[in-house]
Amino acid sequence: AMCQVEDCQERLEKDLQGMKAAKSNLETTIKNNKKKLQEQYNTLQMEKDKNTRLDGRIKELEDSCSVLKEREEEYSSKIKKLDDRIIELTKGESISVDNS
């Protein structure tokens, strides 16, 4: 009967050592995973900040683009008025030339 108890105790010791080793491995894995997650999070934060800056830049460009469009329309209408005026003057000259 004594032998069986000792055998049993030995087996329990071995099981306990195995469990301690497994626990230690799990703790290491958890620590590594936490570190990886933290790195991924930091990378995502940097990407997010970059995107925010890019969004701001895009907004600036869109604003200056619409300002340029407005100016283009202004200039187009000024050019058209000048063209019309030139045509009027040209007609006026040709009339005065015809009359002489």
PDB file of N, CA and C in Angstrom:
ATOM      1  N   ALA A   1       0.832  -1.189   0.000  1.00  0.00           N
ATOM      2  CA  ALA A   1       0.000   0.000   0.000  1.00  0.00           C
ATOM      3  C   ALA A   1       0.872   1.246   0.000  1.00  0.00           C
ATOM      4  N   MET A   2       1.992   1.236   0.737  1.00  0.00           N
ATOM      5  CA  MET A   2       2.887   2.377   0.831  1.00  0.00           C
ATOM      6  C   MET A   2       3.409   2.784  -0.538  1.00  0.00           C
ATOM      7  N   CYS A   3       3.802   1.789  -1.327  1.00  0.00           N
ATOM      8  CA  CYS A   3       4.375   2.046  -2.653  1.00  0.00           C
ATOM      9  C   CYS A   3       3.399   2.826  -3.514  1.00  0.00           C
ATOM     10  N   GLN A   4       2.137   2.391  -3.443  1.00  0.00           N
ATOM     11  CA  GLN A   4       1.132   3.066  -4.270  1.00  0.00           C
ATOM     12  C   GLN A   4       1.011   4.543  -3.899  1.00  0.00           C
ATOM     13  N   VAL A   5       1.027   4.831  -2.624  1.00  0.00           N
ATOM     14  CA  VAL A   5       0.921   6.217  -2.166  1.00  0.00           C
ATOM     15  C   VAL A   5       2.110   7.017  -2.675  1.00  0.00           C
ATOM     16  N   GLU A   6       3.321   6.447  -2.574  1.00  0.00           N
ATOM     17  CA  GLU A   6       4.508   7.148  -3.053  1.00  0.00           C
ATOM     18  C   GLU A   6       4.451   7.370  -4.566  1.00  0.00           C
ATOM     19  N   ASP A   7       4.030   6.311  -5.293  1.00  0.00           N
ATOM     20  CA  ASP A   7       3.869   6.434  -6.744  1.00  0.00           C
ATOM     21  C   ASP A   7       2.896   7.573  -7.063  1.00  0.00           C
ATOM     22  N   CYS A   8       1.813   7.591  -6.336  1.00  0.00           N
ATOM     23  CA  CYS A   8       0.765   8.586  -6.553  1.00  0.00           C
ATOM     24  C   CYS A   8       1.317   9.989  -6.294  1.00  0.00           C
ATOM     25  N   GLN A   9       2.054  10.115  -5.218  1.00  0.00           N
ATOM     26  CA  GLN A   9       2.629  11.403  -4.847  1.00  0.00           C
ATOM     27  C   GLN A   9       3.609  11.871  -5.922  1.00  0.00           C
ATOM     28  N   GLU A  10       4.437  10.925  -6.416  1.00  0.00           N
ATOM     29  CA  GLU A  10       5.420  11.256  -7.455  1.00  0.00           C
ATOM     30  C   GLU A  10       4.724  11.769  -8.712  1.00  0.00           C
ATOM     31  N   ARG A  11       3.653  11.047  -9.060  1.00  0.00           N
ATOM     32  CA  ARG A  11       2.902  11.449 -10.256  1.00  0.00           C
ATOM     33  C   ARG A  11       2.306  12.843 -10.078  1.00  0.00           C
ATOM     34  N   LEU A  12       1.775  13.103  -8.873  1.00  0.00           N
ATOM     35  CA  LEU A  12       1.204  14.425  -8.588  1.00  0.00           C
ATOM     36  C   LEU A  12       2.276  15.509  -8.674  1.00  0.00           C
ATOM     37  N   GLU A  13       3.478  15.215  -8.146  1.00  0.00           N
ATOM     38  CA  GLU A  13       4.593  16.167  -8.224  1.00  0.00           C
ATOM     39  C   GLU A  13       4.909  16.490  -9.687  1.00  0.00           C
ATOM     40  N   LYS A  14       5.001  15.414 -10.505  1.00  0.00           N
ATOM     41  CA  LYS A  14       5.302  15.602 -11.929  1.00  0.00           C
ATOM     42  C   LYS A  14       4.220  16.441 -12.598  1.00  0.00           C
ATOM     43  N   ASP A  15       2.958  16.112 -12.300  1.00  0.00           N
ATOM     44  CA  ASP A  15       1.835  16.869 -12.872  1.00  0.00           C
ATOM     45  C   ASP A  15       1.931  18.337 -12.475  1.00  0.00           C
ATOM     46  N   LEU A  16       2.239  18.554 -11.187  1.00  0.00           N
ATOM     47  CA  LEU A  16       2.349  19.919 -10.670  1.00  0.00           C
ATOM     48  C   LEU A  16       3.452  20.675 -11.403  1.00  0.00           C
ATOM     49  N   GLN A  17       4.627  20.023 -11.583  1.00  0.00           N
ATOM     50  CA  GLN A  17       5.734  20.657 -12.304  1.00  0.00           C
ATOM     51  C   GLN A  17       5.314  20.981 -13.744  1.00  0.00           C
ATOM     52  N   GLY A  18       4.624  20.033 -14.366  1.00  0.00           N
ATOM     53  CA  GLY A  18       4.136  20.251 -15.730  1.00  0.00           C
ATOM     54  C   GLY A  18       3.204  21.448 -15.796  1.00  0.00           C
ATOM     55  N   MET A  19       2.316  21.545 -14.809  1.00  0.00           N
ATOM     56  CA  MET A  19       1.359  22.656 -14.772  1.00  0.00           C
ATOM     57  C   MET A  19       2.065  23.984 -14.544  1.00  0.00           C
ATOM     58  N   LYS A  20       3.076  23.968 -13.653  1.00  0.00           N
ATOM     59  CA  LYS A  20       3.846  25.195 -13.397  1.00  0.00           C
ATOM     60  C   LYS A  20       4.548  25.658 -14.665  1.00  0.00           C
ATOM     61  N   ALA A  21       5.135  24.696 -15.397  1.00  0.00           N
ATOM     62  CA  ALA A  21       5.810  25.030 -16.655  1.00  0.00           C
ATOM     63  C   ALA A  21       4.813  25.600 -17.668  1.00  0.00           C
ATOM     64  N   ALA A  22       3.648  24.951 -17.765  1.00  0.00           N
ATOM     65  CA  ALA A  22       2.612  25.407 -18.690  1.00  0.00           C
ATOM     66  C   ALA A  22       2.155  26.820 -18.323  1.00  0.00           C
ATOM     67  N   LYS A  23       1.981  27.065 -17.021  1.00  0.00           N
ATOM     68  CA  LYS A  23       1.556  28.389 -16.544  1.00  0.00           C
ATOM     69  C   LYS A  23       2.598  29.436 -16.926  1.00  0.00           C
ATOM     70  N   SER A  24       3.862  29.099 -16.701  1.00  0.00           N
ATOM     71  CA  SER A  24       4.943  30.023 -17.024  1.00  0.00           C
ATOM     72  C   SER A  24       4.962  30.342 -18.532  1.00  0.00           C
ATOM     73  N   ASN A  25       4.775  29.291 -19.362  1.00  0.00           N
ATOM     74  CA  ASN A  25       4.716  29.498 -20.817  1.00  0.00           C
ATOM     75  C   ASN A  25       3.560  30.414 -21.205  1.00  0.00           C
ATOM     76  N   LEU A  26       2.402  30.169 -20.583  1.00  0.00           N
ATOM     77  CA  LEU A  26       1.231  30.999 -20.878  1.00  0.00           C
ATOM     78  C   LEU A  26       1.484  32.454 -20.491  1.00  0.00           C
ATOM     79  N   GLU A  27       2.099  32.652 -19.332  1.00  0.00           N
ATOM     80  CA  GLU A  27       2.383  34.024 -18.890  1.00  0.00           C
ATOM     81  C   GLU A  27       3.304  34.730 -19.871  1.00  0.00           C
ATOM     82  N   THR A  28       4.322  34.004 -20.346  1.00  0.00           N
ATOM     83  CA  THR A  28       5.245  34.574 -21.341  1.00  0.00           C
ATOM     84  C   THR A  28       4.502  34.922 -22.626  1.00  0.00           C
ATOM     85  N   THR A  29       3.666  33.991 -23.091  1.00  0.00           N
ATOM     86  CA  THR A  29       2.875  34.227 -24.307  1.00  0.00           C
ATOM     87  C   THR A  29       1.985  35.450 -24.151  1.00  0.00           C
ATOM     88  N   ILE A  30       1.313  35.560 -22.995  1.00  0.00           N
ATOM     89  CA  ILE A  30       0.427  36.701 -22.736  1.00  0.00           C
ATOM     90  C   ILE A  30       1.217  38.003 -22.772  1.00  0.00           C
ATOM     91  N   LYS A  31       2.404  37.986 -22.126  1.00  0.00           N
ATOM     92  CA  LYS A  31       3.237  39.190 -22.086  1.00  0.00           C
ATOM     93  C   LYS A  31       3.636  39.604 -23.510  1.00  0.00           C
ATOM     94  N   ASN A  32       4.060  38.612 -24.316  1.00  0.00           N
ATOM     95  CA  ASN A  32       4.447  38.905 -25.707  1.00  0.00           C
ATOM     96  C   ASN A  32       3.279  39.429 -26.527  1.00  0.00           C
ATOM     97  N   ASN A  33       2.104  38.796 -26.334  1.00  0.00           N
ATOM     98  CA  ASN A  33       0.910  39.246 -27.060  1.00  0.00           C
ATOM     99  C   ASN A  33       0.532  40.669 -26.687  1.00  0.00           C
ATOM    100  N   LYS A  34       0.639  40.987 -25.381  1.00  0.00           N
ATOM    101  CA  LYS A  34       0.337  42.349 -24.929  1.00  0.00           C
ATOM    102  C   LYS A  34       1.278  43.336 -25.599  1.00  0.00           C
ATOM    103  N   LYS A  35       2.575  42.960 -25.660  1.00  0.00           N
ATOM    104  CA  LYS A  35       3.567  43.846 -26.274  1.00  0.00           C
ATOM    105  C   LYS A  35       3.234  44.063 -27.756  1.00  0.00           C
ATOM    106  N   LYS A  36       2.886  42.975 -28.468  1.00  0.00           N
ATOM    107  CA  LYS A  36       2.524  43.075 -29.893  1.00  0.00           C
ATOM    108  C   LYS A  36       1.304  43.965 -30.081  1.00  0.00           C
ATOM    109  N   LEU A  37       0.276  43.749 -29.231  1.00  0.00           N
ATOM    110  CA  LEU A  37      -0.944  44.556 -29.318  1.00  0.00           C
ATOM    111  C   LEU A  37      -0.633  46.031 -29.093  1.00  0.00           C
ATOM    112  N   GLN A  38       0.220  46.314 -28.118  1.00  0.00           N
ATOM    113  CA  GLN A  38       0.590  47.705 -27.821  1.00  0.00           C
ATOM    114  C   GLN A  38       1.276  48.324 -29.035  1.00  0.00           C
ATOM    115  N   GLU A  39       2.187  47.553 -29.662  1.00  0.00           N
ATOM    116  CA  GLU A  39       2.882  48.052 -30.856  1.00  0.00           C
ATOM    117  C   GLU A  39       1.896  48.317 -31.977  1.00  0.00           C
ATOM    118  N   GLN A  40       0.964  47.374 -32.202  1.00  0.00           N
ATOM    119  CA  GLN A  40      -0.047  47.548 -33.253  1.00  0.00           C
ATOM    120  C   GLN A  40      -0.906  48.777 -32.976  1.00  0.00           C
ATOM    121  N   TYR A  41      -1.268  48.949 -31.698  1.00  0.00           N
ATOM    122  CA  TYR A  41      -2.083  50.102 -31.309  1.00  0.00           C
ATOM    123  C   TYR A  41      -1.339  51.403 -31.605  1.00  0.00           C
ATOM    124  N   ASN A  42      -0.042  51.429 -31.220  1.00  0.00           N
ATOM    125  CA  ASN A  42       0.763  52.629 -31.458  1.00  0.00           C
ATOM    126  C   ASN A  42       0.848  52.935 -32.952  1.00  0.00           C
ATOM    127  N   THR A  43       1.044  51.879 -33.759  1.00  0.00           N
ATOM    128  CA  THR A  43       1.111  52.052 -35.211  1.00  0.00           C
ATOM    129  C   THR A  43      -0.202  52.613 -35.738  1.00  0.00           C
ATOM    130  N   LEU A  44      -1.324  52.046 -35.255  1.00  0.00           N
ATOM    131  CA  LEU A  44      -2.638  52.533 -35.685  1.00  0.00           C
ATOM    132  C   LEU A  44      -2.830  54.001 -35.303  1.00  0.00           C
ATOM    133  N   GLN A  45      -2.409  54.372 -34.095  1.00  0.00           N
ATOM    134  CA  GLN A  45      -2.520  55.770 -33.655  1.00  0.00           C
ATOM    135  C   GLN A  45      -1.755  56.683 -34.611  1.00  0.00           C
ATOM    136  N   MET A  46      -0.512  56.259 -34.961  1.00  0.00           N
ATOM    137  CA  MET A  46       0.306  57.071 -35.870  1.00  0.00           C
ATOM    138  C   MET A  46      -0.379  57.204 -37.226  1.00  0.00           C
ATOM    139  N   GLU A  47      -0.932  56.091 -37.734  1.00  0.00           N
ATOM    140  CA  GLU A  47      -1.645  56.116 -39.018  1.00  0.00           C
ATOM    141  C   GLU A  47      -2.853  57.059 -38.927  1.00  0.00           C
ATOM    142  N   LYS A  48      -3.564  56.972 -37.799  1.00  0.00           N
ATOM    143  CA  LYS A  48      -4.753  57.807 -37.599  1.00  0.00           C
ATOM    144  C   LYS A  48      -4.355  59.286 -37.608  1.00  0.00           C
ATOM    145  N   ASP A  49      -3.269  59.620 -36.888  1.00  0.00           N
ATOM    146  CA  ASP A  49      -2.790  61.004 -36.861  1.00  0.00           C
ATOM    147  C   ASP A  49      -2.410  61.463 -38.264  1.00  0.00           C
ATOM    148  N   LYS A  50      -1.718  60.569 -38.997  1.00  0.00           N
ATOM    149  CA  LYS A  50      -1.309  60.892 -40.371  1.00  0.00           C
ATOM    150  C   LYS A  50      -2.540  61.167 -41.229  1.00  0.00           C
ATOM    151  N   ASN A  51      -3.563  60.303 -41.093  1.00  0.00           N
ATOM    152  CA  ASN A  51      -4.802  60.473 -41.858  1.00  0.00           C
ATOM    153  C   ASN A  51      -5.490  61.789 -41.511  1.00  0.00           C
ATOM    154  N   THR A  52      -5.489  62.128 -40.222  1.00  0.00           N
ATOM    155  CA  THR A  52      -6.101  63.383 -39.788  1.00  0.00           C
ATOM    156  C   THR A  52      -5.386  64.565 -40.441  1.00  0.00           C
ATOM    157  N   ARG A  53      -4.036  64.503 -40.443  1.00  0.00           N
ATOM    158  CA  ARG A  53      -3.264  65.583 -41.086  1.00  0.00           C
ATOM    159  C   ARG A  53      -3.571  65.649 -42.579  1.00  0.00           C
ATOM    160  N   LEU A  54      -3.641  64.468 -43.227  1.00  0.00           N
ATOM    161  CA  LEU A  54      -3.947  64.429 -44.658  1.00  0.00           C
ATOM    162  C   LEU A  54      -5.339  64.977 -44.947  1.00  0.00           C
ATOM    163  N   ASP A  55      -6.314  64.632 -44.089  1.00  0.00           N
ATOM    164  CA  ASP A  55      -7.670  65.162 -44.256  1.00  0.00           C
ATOM    165  C   ASP A  55      -7.650  66.691 -44.206  1.00  0.00           C
ATOM    166  N   GLY A  56      -6.888  67.221 -43.256  1.00  0.00           N
ATOM    167  CA  GLY A  56      -6.756  68.676 -43.140  1.00  0.00           C
ATOM    168  C   GLY A  56      -6.164  69.275 -44.407  1.00  0.00           C
ATOM    169  N   ARG A  57      -5.124  68.636 -44.918  1.00  0.00           N
ATOM    170  CA  ARG A  57      -4.450  69.115 -46.134  1.00  0.00           C
ATOM    171  C   ARG A  57      -5.412  69.054 -47.320  1.00  0.00           C
ATOM    172  N   ILE A  58      -6.162  67.953 -47.423  1.00  0.00           N
ATOM    173  CA  ILE A  58      -7.138  67.805 -48.514  1.00  0.00           C
ATOM    174  C   ILE A  58      -8.169  68.927 -48.443  1.00  0.00           C
ATOM    175  N   LYS A  59      -8.646  69.213 -47.227  1.00  0.00           N
ATOM    176  CA  LYS A  59      -9.626  70.296 -47.037  1.00  0.00           C
ATOM    177  C   LYS A  59      -9.035  71.620 -47.514  1.00  0.00           C
ATOM    178  N   GLU A  60      -7.787  71.907 -47.133  1.00  0.00           N
ATOM    179  CA  GLU A  60      -7.122  73.140 -47.569  1.00  0.00           C
ATOM    180  C   GLU A  60      -7.085  73.219 -49.093  1.00  0.00           C
ATOM    181  N   LEU A  61      -6.671  72.096 -49.713  1.00  0.00           N
ATOM    182  CA  LEU A  61      -6.567  72.069 -51.178  1.00  0.00           C
ATOM    183  C   LEU A  61      -7.926  72.267 -51.839  1.00  0.00           C
ATOM    184  N   GLU A  62      -8.950  71.623 -51.277  1.00  0.00           N
ATOM    185  CA  GLU A  62     -10.301  71.784 -51.836  1.00  0.00           C
ATOM    186  C   GLU A  62     -10.745  73.241 -51.733  1.00  0.00           C
ATOM    187  N   ASP A  63     -10.453  73.876 -50.587  1.00  0.00           N
ATOM    188  CA  ASP A  63     -10.830  75.278 -50.400  1.00  0.00           C
ATOM    189  C   ASP A  63     -10.133  76.169 -51.417  1.00  0.00           C
ATOM    190  N   SER A  64      -8.809  76.007 -51.548  1.00  0.00           N
ATOM    191  CA  SER A  64      -8.087  76.874 -52.489  1.00  0.00           C
ATOM    192  C   SER A  64      -8.499  76.564 -53.927  1.00  0.00           C
ATOM    193  N   CYS A  65      -8.899  75.314 -54.176  1.00  0.00           N
ATOM    194  CA  CYS A  65      -9.377  74.935 -55.503  1.00  0.00           C
ATOM    195  C   CYS A  65     -10.665  75.683 -55.833  1.00  0.00           C
ATOM    196  N   SER A  66     -11.579  75.771 -54.862  1.00  0.00           N
ATOM    197  CA  SER A  66     -12.848  76.463 -55.137  1.00  0.00           C
ATOM    198  C   SER A  66     -12.602  77.967 -55.289  1.00  0.00           C
ATOM    199  N   VAL A  67     -11.640  78.507 -54.543  1.00  0.00           N
ATOM    200  CA  VAL A  67     -11.284  79.922 -54.701  1.00  0.00           C
ATOM    201  C   VAL A  67     -10.769  80.152 -56.125  1.00  0.00           C
ATOM    202  N   LEU A  68      -9.901  79.252 -56.593  1.00  0.00           N
ATOM    203  CA  LEU A  68      -9.360  79.382 -57.948  1.00  0.00           C
ATOM    204  C   LEU A  68     -10.464  79.285 -58.996  1.00  0.00           C
ATOM    205  N   LYS A  69     -11.434  78.393 -58.754  1.00  0.00           N
ATOM    206  CA  LYS A  69     -12.567  78.256 -59.690  1.00  0.00           C
ATOM    207  C   LYS A  69     -13.340  79.562 -59.779  1.00  0.00           C
ATOM    208  N   GLU A  70     -13.613  80.185 -58.617  1.00  0.00           N
ATOM    209  CA  GLU A  70     -14.328  81.465 -58.594  1.00  0.00           C
ATOM    210  C   GLU A  70     -13.552  82.512 -59.393  1.00  0.00           C
ATOM    211  N   ARG A  71     -12.240  82.590 -59.159  1.00  0.00           N
ATOM    212  CA  ARG A  71     -11.410  83.558 -59.874  1.00  0.00           C
ATOM    213  C   ARG A  71     -11.448  83.300 -61.367  1.00  0.00           C
ATOM    214  N   GLU A  72     -11.385  81.999 -61.725  1.00  0.00           N
ATOM    215  CA  GLU A  72     -11.410  81.636 -63.141  1.00  0.00           C
ATOM    216  C   GLU A  72     -12.695  82.146 -63.780  1.00  0.00           C
ATOM    217  N   GLU A  73     -13.823  81.985 -63.075  1.00  0.00           N
ATOM    218  CA  GLU A  73     -15.107  82.470 -63.598  1.00  0.00           C
ATOM    219  C   GLU A  73     -15.102  83.986 -63.733  1.00  0.00           C
ATOM    220  N   GLU A  74     -14.552  84.675 -62.706  1.00  0.00           N
ATOM    221  CA  GLU A  74     -14.445  86.140 -62.769  1.00  0.00           C
ATOM    222  C   GLU A  74     -13.652  86.555 -64.004  1.00  0.00           C
ATOM    223  N   TYR A  75     -12.459  85.957 -64.158  1.00  0.00           N
ATOM    224  CA  TYR A  75     -11.587  86.321 -65.276  1.00  0.00           C
ATOM    225  C   TYR A  75     -12.240  86.003 -66.609  1.00  0.00           C
ATOM    226  N   SER A  76     -12.929  84.859 -66.691  1.00  0.00           N
ATOM    227  CA  SER A  76     -13.611  84.486 -67.927  1.00  0.00           C
ATOM    228  C   SER A  76     -14.631  85.541 -68.309  1.00  0.00           C
ATOM    229  N   SER A  77     -15.392  86.008 -67.309  1.00  0.00           N
ATOM    230  CA  SER A  77     -16.423  87.000 -67.626  1.00  0.00           C
ATOM    231  C   SER A  77     -15.760  88.334 -68.012  1.00  0.00           C
ATOM    232  N   LYS A  78     -14.649  88.708 -67.348  1.00  0.00           N
ATOM    233  CA  LYS A  78     -13.923  89.936 -67.719  1.00  0.00           C
ATOM    234  C   LYS A  78     -13.403  89.824 -69.146  1.00  0.00           C
ATOM    235  N   ILE A  79     -12.827  88.644 -69.464  1.00  0.00           N
ATOM    236  CA  ILE A  79     -12.275  88.423 -70.804  1.00  0.00           C
ATOM    237  C   ILE A  79     -13.387  88.521 -71.839  1.00  0.00           C
ATOM    238  N   LYS A  80     -14.547  87.936 -71.514  1.00  0.00           N
ATOM    239  CA  LYS A  80     -15.676  87.999 -72.457  1.00  0.00           C
ATOM    240  C   LYS A  80     -16.088  89.448 -72.695  1.00  0.00           C
ATOM    241  N   LYS A  81     -16.168  90.247 -71.621  1.00  0.00           N
ATOM    242  CA  LYS A  81     -16.525  91.664 -71.761  1.00  0.00           C
ATOM    243  C   LYS A  81     -15.509  92.383 -72.650  1.00  0.00           C
ATOM    244  N   LEU A  82     -14.220  92.088 -72.405  1.00  0.00           N
ATOM    245  CA  LEU A  82     -13.173  92.718 -73.221  1.00  0.00           C
ATOM    246  C   LEU A  82     -13.300  92.305 -74.683  1.00  0.00           C
ATOM    247  N   ASP A  83     -13.554  91.017 -74.902  1.00  0.00           N
ATOM    248  CA  ASP A  83     -13.731  90.522 -76.272  1.00  0.00           C
ATOM    249  C   ASP A  83     -14.903  91.250 -76.948  1.00  0.00           C
ATOM    250  N   ASP A  84     -16.020  91.366 -76.217  1.00  0.00           N
ATOM    251  CA  ASP A  84     -17.193  92.059 -76.763  1.00  0.00           C
ATOM    252  C   ASP A  84     -16.839  93.509 -77.110  1.00  0.00           C
ATOM    253  N   ARG A  85     -16.116  94.139 -76.186  1.00  0.00           N
ATOM    254  CA  ARG A  85     -15.716  95.544 -76.387  1.00  0.00           C
ATOM    255  C   ARG A  85     -14.841  95.655 -77.636  1.00  0.00           C
ATOM    256  N   ILE A  86     -13.887  94.713 -77.782  1.00  0.00           N
ATOM    257  CA  ILE A  86     -12.998  94.721 -78.945  1.00  0.00           C
ATOM    258  C   ILE A  86     -13.822  94.581 -80.226  1.00  0.00           C
ATOM    259  N   ILE A  87     -14.790  93.669 -80.204  1.00  0.00           N
ATOM    260  CA  ILE A  87     -15.651  93.484 -81.388  1.00  0.00           C
ATOM    261  C   ILE A  87     -16.403  94.776 -81.696  1.00  0.00           C
ATOM    262  N   GLU A  88     -16.959  95.414 -80.644  1.00  0.00           N
ATOM    263  CA  GLU A  88     -17.671  96.689 -80.839  1.00  0.00           C
ATOM    264  C   GLU A  88     -16.754  97.719 -81.475  1.00  0.00           C
ATOM    265  N   LEU A  89     -15.549  97.853 -80.895  1.00  0.00           N
ATOM    266  CA  LEU A  89     -14.602  98.856 -81.404  1.00  0.00           C
ATOM    267  C   LEU A  89     -14.222  98.548 -82.847  1.00  0.00           C
ATOM    268  N   THR A  90     -13.997  97.254 -83.114  1.00  0.00           N
ATOM    269  CA  THR A  90     -13.625  96.850 -84.463  1.00  0.00           C
ATOM    270  C   THR A  90     -14.750  97.197 -85.437  1.00  0.00           C
ATOM    271  N   LYS A  91     -15.997  96.914 -85.031  1.00  0.00           N
ATOM    272  CA  LYS A  91     -17.160  97.260 -85.871  1.00  0.00           C
ATOM    273  C   LYS A  91     -17.190  98.775 -86.088  1.00  0.00           C
ATOM    274  N   GLY A  92     -17.026  99.508 -84.986  1.00  0.00           N
ATOM    275  CA  GLY A  92     -17.021 100.977 -85.053  1.00  0.00           C
ATOM    276  C   GLY A  92     -15.991 101.480 -86.048  1.00  0.00           C
ATOM    277  N   GLU A  93     -14.784 100.902 -85.989  1.00  0.00           N
ATOM    278  CA  GLU A  93     -13.706 101.328 -86.912  1.00  0.00           C
ATOM    279  C   GLU A  93     -14.097 101.015 -88.337  1.00  0.00           C
ATOM    280  N   SER A  94     -14.585  99.811 -88.560  1.00  0.00           N
ATOM    281  CA  SER A  94     -14.919  99.429 -89.942  1.00  0.00           C
ATOM    282  C   SER A  94     -16.044 100.301 -90.490  1.00  0.00           C
ATOM    283  N   ILE A  95     -16.960 100.721 -89.586  1.00  0.00           N
ATOM    284  CA  ILE A  95     -18.045 101.622 -90.028  1.00  0.00           C
ATOM    285  C   ILE A  95     -17.461 102.978 -90.420  1.00  0.00           C
ATOM    286  N   SER A  96     -16.558 103.507 -89.536  1.00  0.00           N
ATOM    287  CA  SER A  96     -15.985 104.813 -89.827  1.00  0.00           C
ATOM    288  C   SER A  96     -15.137 104.759 -91.106  1.00  0.00           C
ATOM    289  N   VAL A  97     -14.481 103.605 -91.328  1.00  0.00           N
ATOM    290  CA  VAL A  97     -13.683 103.453 -92.534  1.00  0.00           C
ATOM    291  C   VAL A  97     -14.606 103.425 -93.758  1.00  0.00           C
ATOM    292  N   ASP A  98     -15.744 102.696 -93.620  1.00  0.00           N
ATOM    293  CA  ASP A  98     -16.718 102.603 -94.718  1.00  0.00           C
ATOM    294  C   ASP A  98     -17.268 103.984 -95.073  1.00  0.00           C
ATOM    295  N   ASN A  99     -17.518 104.811 -94.046  1.00  0.00           N
ATOM    296  CA  ASN A  99     -18.117 106.133 -94.269  1.00  0.00           C
ATOM    297  C   ASN A  99     -17.195 107.075 -94.982  1.00  0.00           C
ATOM    298  N   SER A 100     -15.870 106.937 -94.753  1.00  0.00           N
ATOM    299  CA  SER A 100     -14.958 107.921 -95.308  1.00  0.00           C
ATOM    300  C   SER A 100     -14.777 107.794 -96.806  1.00  0.00           C
TER     301      SER A 100
END
